[in-house]
Amino acid sequence: MSASLPSIDETVDSIFGTVAYTATEIRQGLIGRRVPVDEENPSGETQLEADVWADQLLRKRLSSIDGVVQYASEEEDDCHDCGSLEPGLAVAVDPLDGSSNLKSNNVMGTIVGVYDEPLPARGDAIVAAAYVLYGPITTMMVATDDGVTEYELSGGERTVVREDVRLPAEPVVYGVGGRTPDWPADVEGYVREIEDELKLRYGGAMIGDVNQVLTYGGLFAYPTLESAPEGKLRLQFEGNPIGYIVEQAGGRSSDGEQSLLAVEPTDVHQRTPVYVGNESYVDRLESHLS
């Protein structure tokens, strides 16, 4: 990278600073945007006004950052080049994870993965990742190679509430997506085994469920399904960033066979099963699936 361009660390800081103040605006702007639009995203899901609005807001702001050369969103078909021919970072965004929860006014999030390669890219090309949780308090979990830090967001400002976030050694909670009749037999067998050990916590937005795991320890899974053998979550926008965050917090991620960060991507909207949490529980899961 030439001397006139910002360093990777400077670009990452600009990205997360922008996400922090935009998240405050997104939360306030959800009012009145809970209705569907007459469109679907590339994954075939009905979009809400909030999905489209949040995506447009984040694309405009993140694409204008020096050092960001590519923007991709779960809500858009194609990656957007940001007008620079210089080397730089690619940003993959899920603007509103769990936006179906808007109808019932439940928890949602925003996910950001920062890659040092053009998209689609393997997860081991991630240099930083973060998610915003729109809960009773708006928080942001940020992971870099230096570790994981949790912030409270208010008025666009970030206040550190936890540094060096690590998964607790004694797991407490689990959550598994999909309908039980749609689970493969090996997944159902694993869930029946751990349901006697952990408390069920599943809220329909991955960010809320993953945040429970980072807070209390345990496992989050969105497995392969009989109706979706390739999985449901998107590798670039959800699997890789969340896998990176959990691994930086001392946990493990897996697609059932290997770390999510080692999965070879074939398409920017590629789906994957996702298993993240304490190492012992992910190891046991893989042994059930092998």
C-alpha atoms as a PDB file:
ATOM      1  CA  MET A   1       0.000   0.000   0.000  1.00  0.00           C
ATOM      2  CA  SER A   2       1.447   3.351  -1.012  1.00  0.00           C
ATOM      3  CA  ALA A   3       2.446   5.948   1.565  1.00  0.00           C
ATOM      4  CA  SER A   4      -0.425   8.231   0.464  1.00  0.00           C
ATOM      5  CA  LEU A   5      -3.048   5.671   1.421  1.00  0.00           C
ATOM      6  CA  PRO A   6      -4.243   4.964   4.972  1.00  0.00           C
ATOM      7  CA  SER A   7      -2.907   1.857   6.697  1.00  0.00           C
ATOM      8  CA  ILE A   8      -5.116  -1.167   7.222  1.00  0.00           C
ATOM      9  CA  ASP A   9      -5.507  -0.261  10.911  1.00  0.00           C
ATOM     10  CA  GLU A  10      -6.530   3.297  10.046  1.00  0.00           C
ATOM     11  CA  THR A  11      -9.071   2.079   7.496  1.00  0.00           C
ATOM     12  CA  VAL A  12     -10.505  -0.470   9.916  1.00  0.00           C
ATOM     13  CA  ASP A  13     -10.882   2.216  12.584  1.00  0.00           C
ATOM     14  CA  SER A  14     -12.689   4.458  10.085  1.00  0.00           C
ATOM     15  CA  ILE A  15     -15.001   1.604   9.107  1.00  0.00           C
ATOM     16  CA  PHE A  16     -16.026   0.822  12.670  1.00  0.00           C
ATOM     17  CA  GLY A  17     -16.307   4.474  13.624  1.00  0.00           C
ATOM     18  CA  THR A  18     -18.684   4.901  10.686  1.00  0.00           C
ATOM     19  CA  VAL A  19     -20.651   1.784  11.655  1.00  0.00           C
ATOM     20  CA  ALA A  20     -20.949   3.064  15.233  1.00  0.00           C
ATOM     21  CA  TYR A  21     -22.533   6.402  14.392  1.00  0.00           C
ATOM     22  CA  THR A  22     -24.612   4.921  11.557  1.00  0.00           C
ATOM     23  CA  ALA A  23     -25.985   2.238  13.900  1.00  0.00           C
ATOM     24  CA  THR A  24     -27.452   4.909  16.137  1.00  0.00           C
ATOM     25  CA  GLU A  25     -29.189   6.418  13.123  1.00  0.00           C
ATOM     26  CA  ILE A  26     -30.379   3.018  11.895  1.00  0.00           C
ATOM     27  CA  ARG A  27     -31.953   2.222  15.249  1.00  0.00           C
ATOM     28  CA  GLN A  28     -33.806   5.517  15.320  1.00  0.00           C
ATOM     29  CA  GLY A  29     -34.843   5.168  11.673  1.00  0.00           C
ATOM     30  CA  LEU A  30     -36.522   1.771  11.996  1.00  0.00           C
ATOM     31  CA  ILE A  31     -39.769   3.419  13.059  1.00  0.00           C
ATOM     32  CA  GLY A  32     -42.177   3.406  10.128  1.00  0.00           C
ATOM     33  CA  ARG A  33     -40.013   1.067   8.029  1.00  0.00           C
ATOM     34  CA  ARG A  34     -41.406  -2.300   9.153  1.00  0.00           C
ATOM     35  CA  VAL A  35     -43.473  -2.944   6.011  1.00  0.00           C
ATOM     36  CA  PRO A  36     -42.361  -5.182   3.115  1.00  0.00           C
ATOM     37  CA  VAL A  37     -41.325  -3.787  -0.242  1.00  0.00           C
ATOM     38  CA  ASP A  38     -42.221  -5.511  -3.498  1.00  0.00           C
ATOM     39  CA  GLU A  39     -38.754  -7.027  -3.857  1.00  0.00           C
ATOM     40  CA  GLU A  40     -36.646  -9.971  -2.698  1.00  0.00           C
ATOM     41  CA  ASN A  41     -32.960 -10.002  -1.791  1.00  0.00           C
ATOM     42  CA  PRO A  42     -30.553 -12.324  -3.671  1.00  0.00           C
ATOM     43  CA  SER A  43     -31.349 -15.121  -1.210  1.00  0.00           C
ATOM     44  CA  GLY A  44     -35.044 -15.016  -2.092  1.00  0.00           C
ATOM     45  CA  GLU A  45     -36.172 -13.377   1.146  1.00  0.00           C
ATOM     46  CA  THR A  46     -38.793 -10.631   1.180  1.00  0.00           C
ATOM     47  CA  GLN A  47     -37.189  -7.286   1.925  1.00  0.00           C
ATOM     48  CA  LEU A  48     -38.545  -4.751   4.370  1.00  0.00           C
ATOM     49  CA  GLU A  49     -38.208  -1.007   3.892  1.00  0.00           C
ATOM     50  CA  ALA A  50     -35.727  -1.080   6.779  1.00  0.00           C
ATOM     51  CA  ASP A  51     -33.480  -3.607   4.977  1.00  0.00           C
ATOM     52  CA  VAL A  52     -33.215  -1.462   1.866  1.00  0.00           C
ATOM     53  CA  TRP A  53     -32.809   1.810   3.761  1.00  0.00           C
ATOM     54  CA  ALA A  54     -30.110   0.501   6.105  1.00  0.00           C
ATOM     55  CA  ASP A  55     -28.210  -1.018   3.192  1.00  0.00           C
ATOM     56  CA  GLN A  56     -28.273   2.213   1.201  1.00  0.00           C
ATOM     57  CA  LEU A  57     -27.119   4.211   4.217  1.00  0.00           C
ATOM     58  CA  LEU A  58     -24.226   1.870   4.998  1.00  0.00           C
ATOM     59  CA  ARG A  59     -23.166   1.565   1.343  1.00  0.00           C
ATOM     60  CA  LYS A  60     -23.024   5.327   0.905  1.00  0.00           C
ATOM     61  CA  ARG A  61     -20.952   5.889   4.030  1.00  0.00           C
ATOM     62  CA  LEU A  62     -18.646   2.864   3.960  1.00  0.00           C
ATOM     63  CA  SER A  63     -17.929   3.196   0.237  1.00  0.00           C
ATOM     64  CA  SER A  64     -16.686   6.748   0.762  1.00  0.00           C
ATOM     65  CA  ILE A  65     -13.957   5.737   3.230  1.00  0.00           C
ATOM     66  CA  ASP A  66     -10.382   5.997   1.957  1.00  0.00           C
ATOM     67  CA  GLY A  67      -8.949   2.497   1.793  1.00  0.00           C
ATOM     68  CA  VAL A  68     -12.291   0.752   1.130  1.00  0.00           C
ATOM     69  CA  VAL A  69     -12.325  -0.490  -2.471  1.00  0.00           C
ATOM     70  CA  GLN A  70     -15.285  -2.888  -2.453  1.00  0.00           C
ATOM     71  CA  TYR A  71     -18.689  -3.043  -0.743  1.00  0.00           C
ATOM     72  CA  ALA A  72     -20.999  -6.056  -0.759  1.00  0.00           C
ATOM     73  CA  SER A  73     -24.317  -6.539   0.980  1.00  0.00           C
ATOM     74  CA  GLU A  74     -26.643  -9.432   1.629  1.00  0.00           C
ATOM     75  CA  GLU A  75     -29.367  -7.198   0.189  1.00  0.00           C
ATOM     76  CA  GLU A  76     -27.732  -6.621  -3.211  1.00  0.00           C
ATOM     77  CA  ASP A  77     -26.889  -8.927  -6.115  1.00  0.00           C
ATOM     78  CA  ASP A  78     -23.451  -7.597  -6.952  1.00  0.00           C
ATOM     79  CA  CYS A  79     -20.344  -6.252  -5.230  1.00  0.00           C
ATOM     80  CA  HIS A  80     -19.757  -2.537  -5.703  1.00  0.00           C
ATOM     81  CA  ASP A  81     -16.347  -1.179  -6.620  1.00  0.00           C
ATOM     82  CA  CYS A  82     -15.753   2.011  -4.696  1.00  0.00           C
ATOM     83  CA  GLY A  83     -13.931   3.922  -7.418  1.00  0.00           C
ATOM     84  CA  SER A  84     -10.343   3.285  -6.332  1.00  0.00           C
ATOM     85  CA  LEU A  85      -7.768   1.434  -8.384  1.00  0.00           C
ATOM     86  CA  GLU A  86      -5.423   1.234  -5.400  1.00  0.00           C
ATOM     87  CA  PRO A  87      -5.153  -1.832  -3.143  1.00  0.00           C
ATOM     88  CA  GLY A  88      -7.546  -1.680  -0.229  1.00  0.00           C
ATOM     89  CA  LEU A  89     -10.111  -3.499   1.863  1.00  0.00           C
ATOM     90  CA  ALA A  90     -13.431  -5.118   0.974  1.00  0.00           C
ATOM     91  CA  VAL A  91     -16.408  -4.742   3.296  1.00  0.00           C
ATOM     92  CA  ALA A  92     -19.204  -7.341   3.472  1.00  0.00           C
ATOM     93  CA  VAL A  93     -22.337  -6.260   5.332  1.00  0.00           C
ATOM     94  CA  ASP A  94     -25.568  -7.777   6.572  1.00  0.00           C
ATOM     95  CA  PRO A  95     -27.357  -4.467   7.205  1.00  0.00           C
ATOM     96  CA  LEU A  96     -30.157  -5.885   9.385  1.00  0.00           C
ATOM     97  CA  ASP A  97     -29.607  -9.419  10.606  1.00  0.00           C
ATOM     98  CA  GLY A  98     -32.919 -10.789  11.852  1.00  0.00           C
ATOM     99  CA  SER A  99     -35.036  -8.059  10.261  1.00  0.00           C
ATOM    100  CA  SER A 100     -38.028 -10.433  10.338  1.00  0.00           C
ATOM    101  CA  ASN A 101     -38.005  -9.663  14.075  1.00  0.00           C
ATOM    102  CA  LEU A 102     -39.135  -6.117  13.260  1.00  0.00           C
ATOM    103  CA  LYS A 103     -42.742  -7.335  13.048  1.00  0.00           C
ATOM    104  CA  SER A 104     -42.651  -8.555  16.648  1.00  0.00           C
ATOM    105  CA  ASN A 105     -40.241  -5.802  17.806  1.00  0.00           C
ATOM    106  CA  ASN A 106     -37.523  -8.222  18.875  1.00  0.00           C
ATOM    107  CA  VAL A 107     -33.733  -8.056  18.778  1.00  0.00           C
ATOM    108  CA  MET A 108     -31.785  -7.502  15.525  1.00  0.00           C
ATOM    109  CA  GLY A 109     -28.231  -6.672  14.489  1.00  0.00           C
ATOM    110  CA  THR A 110     -25.808  -5.451  11.846  1.00  0.00           C
ATOM    111  CA  ILE A 111     -22.815  -7.574  10.788  1.00  0.00           C
ATOM    112  CA  VAL A 112     -19.623  -6.294   9.146  1.00  0.00           C
ATOM    113  CA  GLY A 113     -16.694  -8.304   7.829  1.00  0.00           C
ATOM    114  CA  VAL A 114     -13.534  -6.553   6.600  1.00  0.00           C
ATOM    115  CA  TYR A 115     -11.483  -8.573   4.113  1.00  0.00           C
ATOM    116  CA  ASP A 116      -7.996  -7.935   2.772  1.00  0.00           C
ATOM    117  CA  GLU A 117      -8.925  -9.636  -0.522  1.00  0.00           C
ATOM    118  CA  PRO A 118     -11.599  -9.056  -3.179  1.00  0.00           C
ATOM    119  CA  LEU A 119     -14.929 -10.759  -2.540  1.00  0.00           C
ATOM    120  CA  PRO A 120     -15.822 -13.548  -2.458  1.00  0.00           C
ATOM    121  CA  ALA A 121     -12.924 -14.420  -0.161  1.00  0.00           C
ATOM    122  CA  ARG A 122     -12.037 -17.030   2.414  1.00  0.00           C
ATOM    123  CA  GLY A 123     -12.620 -16.135   6.023  1.00  0.00           C
ATOM    124  CA  ASP A 124      -8.903 -16.236   6.773  1.00  0.00           C
ATOM    125  CA  ALA A 125      -8.633 -13.076   4.644  1.00  0.00           C
ATOM    126  CA  ILE A 126     -10.649 -11.192   7.296  1.00  0.00           C
ATOM    127  CA  VAL A 127      -8.613  -8.581   9.161  1.00  0.00           C
ATOM    128  CA  ALA A 128     -11.475  -7.409  11.400  1.00  0.00           C
ATOM    129  CA  ALA A 129     -15.153  -8.030  11.993  1.00  0.00           C
ATOM    130  CA  ALA A 130     -17.926  -6.595  14.110  1.00  0.00           C
ATOM    131  CA  TYR A 131     -21.574  -6.825  14.904  1.00  0.00           C
ATOM    132  CA  VAL A 132     -24.002  -4.313  16.335  1.00  0.00           C
ATOM    133  CA  LEU A 133     -26.735  -5.619  18.624  1.00  0.00           C
ATOM    134  CA  TYR A 134     -29.933  -3.580  18.772  1.00  0.00           C
ATOM    135  CA  GLY A 135     -31.076  -4.790  22.179  1.00  0.00           C
ATOM    136  CA  PRO A 136     -32.279  -2.844  25.221  1.00  0.00           C
ATOM    137  CA  ILE A 137     -28.846  -1.204  24.880  1.00  0.00           C
ATOM    138  CA  THR A 138     -27.129  -0.792  21.515  1.00  0.00           C
ATOM    139  CA  THR A 139     -23.749  -2.517  21.678  1.00  0.00           C
ATOM    140  CA  MET A 140     -20.997  -3.333  19.212  1.00  0.00           C
ATOM    141  CA  MET A 141     -18.619  -6.294  19.417  1.00  0.00           C
ATOM    142  CA  VAL A 142     -15.396  -5.662  17.478  1.00  0.00           C
ATOM    143  CA  ALA A 143     -12.770  -8.307  16.722  1.00  0.00           C
ATOM    144  CA  THR A 144      -9.278  -7.785  15.323  1.00  0.00           C
ATOM    145  CA  ASP A 145      -6.144  -9.880  15.505  1.00  0.00           C
ATOM    146  CA  ASP A 146      -5.546  -8.188  18.882  1.00  0.00           C
ATOM    147  CA  GLY A 147      -8.728  -9.627  20.401  1.00  0.00           C
ATOM    148  CA  VAL A 148     -12.391  -8.774  20.957  1.00  0.00           C
ATOM    149  CA  THR A 149     -13.804  -5.613  22.544  1.00  0.00           C
ATOM    150  CA  GLU A 150     -17.414  -4.772  23.404  1.00  0.00           C
ATOM    151  CA  TYR A 151     -18.676  -1.201  23.205  1.00  0.00           C
ATOM    152  CA  GLU A 152     -21.881   0.569  24.174  1.00  0.00           C
ATOM    153  CA  LEU A 153     -23.112   2.963  21.477  1.00  0.00           C
ATOM    154  CA  SER A 154     -24.855   6.207  22.298  1.00  0.00           C
ATOM    155  CA  GLY A 155     -25.115   9.290  20.152  1.00  0.00           C
ATOM    156  CA  GLY A 156     -22.641   7.797  17.717  1.00  0.00           C
ATOM    157  CA  GLU A 157     -19.962   7.493  20.392  1.00  0.00           C
ATOM    158  CA  ARG A 158     -18.298   4.237  21.481  1.00  0.00           C
ATOM    159  CA  THR A 159     -17.704   3.458  25.148  1.00  0.00           C
ATOM    160  CA  VAL A 160     -15.679   0.369  26.053  1.00  0.00           C
ATOM    161  CA  VAL A 161     -17.553  -1.951  28.424  1.00  0.00           C
ATOM    162  CA  ARG A 162     -15.471  -5.142  28.025  1.00  0.00           C
ATOM    163  CA  GLU A 163     -11.967  -5.724  26.747  1.00  0.00           C
ATOM    164  CA  ASP A 164     -10.394  -9.042  25.792  1.00  0.00           C
ATOM    165  CA  VAL A 165     -13.796 -10.719  25.561  1.00  0.00           C
ATOM    166  CA  ARG A 166     -13.460 -14.496  25.966  1.00  0.00           C
ATOM    167  CA  LEU A 167     -16.039 -17.252  25.956  1.00  0.00           C
ATOM    168  CA  PRO A 168     -16.662 -18.406  29.539  1.00  0.00           C
ATOM    169  CA  ALA A 169     -15.012 -21.733  30.333  1.00  0.00           C
ATOM    170  CA  GLU A 170     -18.247 -23.229  31.678  1.00  0.00           C
ATOM    171  CA  PRO A 171     -20.902 -23.032  28.939  1.00  0.00           C
ATOM    172  CA  VAL A 172     -24.511 -22.238  29.821  1.00  0.00           C
ATOM    173  CA  VAL A 173     -26.678 -21.667  26.693  1.00  0.00           C
ATOM    174  CA  TYR A 174     -27.426 -23.054  23.251  1.00  0.00           C
ATOM    175  CA  GLY A 175     -29.596 -22.103  20.283  1.00  0.00           C
ATOM    176  CA  VAL A 176     -30.270 -24.027  17.074  1.00  0.00           C
ATOM    177  CA  GLY A 177     -32.031 -22.608  14.014  1.00  0.00           C
ATOM    178  CA  GLY A 178     -34.491 -24.295  11.713  1.00  0.00           C
ATOM    179  CA  ARG A 179     -37.548 -26.423  12.459  1.00  0.00           C
ATOM    180  CA  THR A 180     -36.916 -29.635  14.368  1.00  0.00           C
ATOM    181  CA  PRO A 181     -38.625 -31.856  11.733  1.00  0.00           C
ATOM    182  CA  ASP A 182     -36.249 -30.335   9.161  1.00  0.00           C
ATOM    183  CA  TRP A 183     -33.063 -31.232  11.061  1.00  0.00           C
ATOM    184  CA  PRO A 184     -31.010 -34.176   9.785  1.00  0.00           C
ATOM    185  CA  ALA A 185     -30.960 -37.112  12.202  1.00  0.00           C
ATOM    186  CA  ASP A 186     -27.351 -36.518  13.294  1.00  0.00           C
ATOM    187  CA  VAL A 187     -28.099 -32.887  14.152  1.00  0.00           C
ATOM    188  CA  GLU A 188     -31.210 -33.856  16.108  1.00  0.00           C
ATOM    189  CA  GLY A 189     -29.239 -36.511  17.988  1.00  0.00           C
ATOM    190  CA  TYR A 190     -26.626 -33.941  19.007  1.00  0.00           C
ATOM    191  CA  VAL A 191     -29.259 -31.444  20.159  1.00  0.00           C
ATOM    192  CA  ARG A 192     -30.999 -34.099  22.250  1.00  0.00           C
ATOM    193  CA  GLU A 193     -27.666 -34.783  23.934  1.00  0.00           C
ATOM    194  CA  ILE A 194     -26.813 -31.180  24.821  1.00  0.00           C
ATOM    195  CA  GLU A 195     -30.325 -30.061  25.794  1.00  0.00           C
ATOM    196  CA  ASP A 196     -29.801 -31.789  29.140  1.00  0.00           C
ATOM    197  CA  GLU A 197     -26.599 -29.798  29.698  1.00  0.00           C
ATOM    198  CA  LEU A 198     -27.412 -26.272  28.476  1.00  0.00           C
ATOM    199  CA  LYS A 199     -30.290 -23.785  28.616  1.00  0.00           C
ATOM    200  CA  LEU A 200     -32.149 -23.096  25.380  1.00  0.00           C
ATOM    201  CA  ARG A 201     -31.796 -19.519  24.166  1.00  0.00           C
ATOM    202  CA  TYR A 202     -33.040 -18.885  20.625  1.00  0.00           C
ATOM    203  CA  GLY A 203     -34.514 -15.602  19.455  1.00  0.00           C
ATOM    204  CA  GLY A 204     -34.633 -15.740  15.664  1.00  0.00           C
ATOM    205  CA  ALA A 205     -31.782 -13.280  15.038  1.00  0.00           C
ATOM    206  CA  MET A 206     -28.323 -14.806  14.882  1.00  0.00           C
ATOM    207  CA  ILE A 207     -26.655 -11.767  16.445  1.00  0.00           C
ATOM    208  CA  GLY A 208     -28.777 -11.984  19.580  1.00  0.00           C
ATOM    209  CA  ASP A 209     -28.114 -15.700  19.928  1.00  0.00           C
ATOM    210  CA  VAL A 210     -24.372 -15.413  19.264  1.00  0.00           C
ATOM    211  CA  ASN A 211     -24.143 -12.578  21.786  1.00  0.00           C
ATOM    212  CA  GLN A 212     -25.697 -14.881  24.385  1.00  0.00           C
ATOM    213  CA  VAL A 213     -22.963 -17.437  23.636  1.00  0.00           C
ATOM    214  CA  LEU A 214     -20.213 -14.820  23.943  1.00  0.00           C
ATOM    215  CA  THR A 215     -21.712 -13.674  27.246  1.00  0.00           C
ATOM    216  CA  TYR A 216     -22.504 -17.020  28.884  1.00  0.00           C
ATOM    217  CA  GLY A 217     -20.652 -19.629  26.827  1.00  0.00           C
ATOM    218  CA  GLY A 218     -22.234 -22.445  24.848  1.00  0.00           C
ATOM    219  CA  LEU A 219     -23.176 -23.089  21.238  1.00  0.00           C
ATOM    220  CA  PHE A 220     -25.070 -21.435  18.401  1.00  0.00           C
ATOM    221  CA  ALA A 221     -25.935 -23.485  15.331  1.00  0.00           C
ATOM    222  CA  TYR A 222     -27.813 -22.981  12.109  1.00  0.00           C
ATOM    223  CA  PRO A 223     -27.347 -26.455  10.652  1.00  0.00           C
ATOM    224  CA  THR A 224     -27.891 -28.048   7.314  1.00  0.00           C
ATOM    225  CA  LEU A 225     -31.583 -28.789   6.876  1.00  0.00           C
ATOM    226  CA  GLU A 226     -33.412 -31.448   4.912  1.00  0.00           C
ATOM    227  CA  SER A 227     -34.890 -28.579   2.895  1.00  0.00           C
ATOM    228  CA  ALA A 228     -31.574 -26.668   2.678  1.00  0.00           C
ATOM    229  CA  PRO A 229     -28.651 -29.126   2.654  1.00  0.00           C
ATOM    230  CA  GLU A 230     -26.221 -26.331   1.847  1.00  0.00           C
ATOM    231  CA  GLY A 231     -27.268 -24.396   4.945  1.00  0.00           C
ATOM    232  CA  LYS A 232     -29.158 -21.130   5.217  1.00  0.00           C
ATOM    233  CA  LEU A 233     -26.752 -18.439   6.433  1.00  0.00           C
ATOM    234  CA  ARG A 234     -24.450 -16.597   4.026  1.00  0.00           C
ATOM    235  CA  LEU A 235     -20.732 -17.336   4.277  1.00  0.00           C
ATOM    236  CA  GLN A 236     -19.392 -13.877   3.340  1.00  0.00           C
ATOM    237  CA  PHE A 237     -21.878 -11.803   5.349  1.00  0.00           C
ATOM    238  CA  GLU A 238     -22.639 -13.977   8.383  1.00  0.00           C
ATOM    239  CA  GLY A 239     -20.582 -17.167   8.653  1.00  0.00           C
ATOM    240  CA  ASN A 240     -17.100 -15.728   8.158  1.00  0.00           C
ATOM    241  CA  PRO A 241     -17.470 -12.548  10.281  1.00  0.00           C
ATOM    242  CA  ILE A 242     -19.152 -14.380  13.158  1.00  0.00           C
ATOM    243  CA  GLY A 243     -16.691 -17.266  12.894  1.00  0.00           C
ATOM    244  CA  TYR A 244     -13.811 -14.798  13.087  1.00  0.00           C
ATOM    245  CA  ILE A 245     -15.256 -13.030  16.137  1.00  0.00           C
ATOM    246  CA  VAL A 246     -15.895 -16.271  18.021  1.00  0.00           C
ATOM    247  CA  GLU A 247     -12.457 -17.677  17.202  1.00  0.00           C
ATOM    248  CA  GLN A 248     -10.796 -14.445  18.346  1.00  0.00           C
ATOM    249  CA  ALA A 249     -12.739 -14.843  21.602  1.00  0.00           C
ATOM    250  CA  GLY A 250     -11.193 -18.265  22.171  1.00  0.00           C
ATOM    251  CA  GLY A 251     -13.984 -20.360  20.678  1.00  0.00           C
ATOM    252  CA  ARG A 252     -14.354 -22.436  17.536  1.00  0.00           C
ATOM    253  CA  SER A 253     -16.313 -22.120  14.312  1.00  0.00           C
ATOM    254  CA  SER A 254     -17.221 -24.906  11.918  1.00  0.00           C
ATOM    255  CA  ASP A 255     -19.268 -25.773   8.860  1.00  0.00           C
ATOM    256  CA  GLY A 256     -19.515 -29.282  10.262  1.00  0.00           C
ATOM    257  CA  GLU A 257     -16.112 -30.371   8.969  1.00  0.00           C
ATOM    258  CA  GLN A 258     -13.683 -27.467   9.275  1.00  0.00           C
ATOM    259  CA  SER A 259     -13.341 -23.881  10.457  1.00  0.00           C
ATOM    260  CA  LEU A 260     -15.684 -21.536   8.647  1.00  0.00           C
ATOM    261  CA  LEU A 261     -12.623 -19.424   7.889  1.00  0.00           C
ATOM    262  CA  ALA A 262     -11.172 -22.261   5.775  1.00  0.00           C
ATOM    263  CA  VAL A 263     -14.209 -22.716   3.505  1.00  0.00           C
ATOM    264  CA  GLU A 264     -13.439 -22.000  -0.147  1.00  0.00           C
ATOM    265  CA  PRO A 265     -15.990 -19.501  -1.493  1.00  0.00           C
ATOM    266  CA  THR A 266     -17.578 -19.906  -4.890  1.00  0.00           C
ATOM    267  CA  ASP A 267     -20.074 -17.048  -4.836  1.00  0.00           C
ATOM    268  CA  VAL A 268     -20.616 -13.896  -2.816  1.00  0.00           C
ATOM    269  CA  HIS A 269     -24.045 -15.156  -1.717  1.00  0.00           C
ATOM    270  CA  GLN A 270     -22.893 -18.706  -0.974  1.00  0.00           C
ATOM    271  CA  ARG A 271     -24.699 -20.380   1.919  1.00  0.00           C
ATOM    272  CA  THR A 272     -23.165 -22.469   4.678  1.00  0.00           C
ATOM    273  CA  PRO A 273     -24.128 -24.306   7.850  1.00  0.00           C
ATOM    274  CA  VAL A 274     -22.813 -22.408  10.883  1.00  0.00           C
ATOM    275  CA  TYR A 275     -21.696 -23.850  14.218  1.00  0.00           C
ATOM    276  CA  VAL A 276     -19.926 -21.547  16.688  1.00  0.00           C
ATOM    277  CA  GLY A 277     -19.169 -21.623  20.386  1.00  0.00           C
ATOM    278  CA  ASN A 278     -16.996 -23.244  22.986  1.00  0.00           C
ATOM    279  CA  GLU A 279     -14.418 -25.584  21.513  1.00  0.00           C
ATOM    280  CA  SER A 280     -15.642 -28.660  23.389  1.00  0.00           C
ATOM    281  CA  TYR A 281     -19.181 -28.321  22.050  1.00  0.00           C
ATOM    282  CA  VAL A 282     -18.104 -27.676  18.449  1.00  0.00           C
ATOM    283  CA  ASP A 283     -15.688 -30.626  18.630  1.00  0.00           C
ATOM    284  CA  ARG A 284     -18.476 -32.894  19.858  1.00  0.00           C
ATOM    285  CA  LEU A 285     -20.768 -31.637  17.119  1.00  0.00           C
ATOM    286  CA  GLU A 286     -18.224 -32.467  14.412  1.00  0.00           C
ATOM    287  CA  SER A 287     -17.844 -35.963  15.838  1.00  0.00           C
ATOM    288  CA  HIS A 288     -21.623 -36.450  15.546  1.00  0.00           C
ATOM    289  CA  LEU A 289     -21.608 -35.260  11.922  1.00  0.00           C
ATOM    290  CA  SER A 290     -18.553 -37.222  10.763  1.00  0.00           C
END
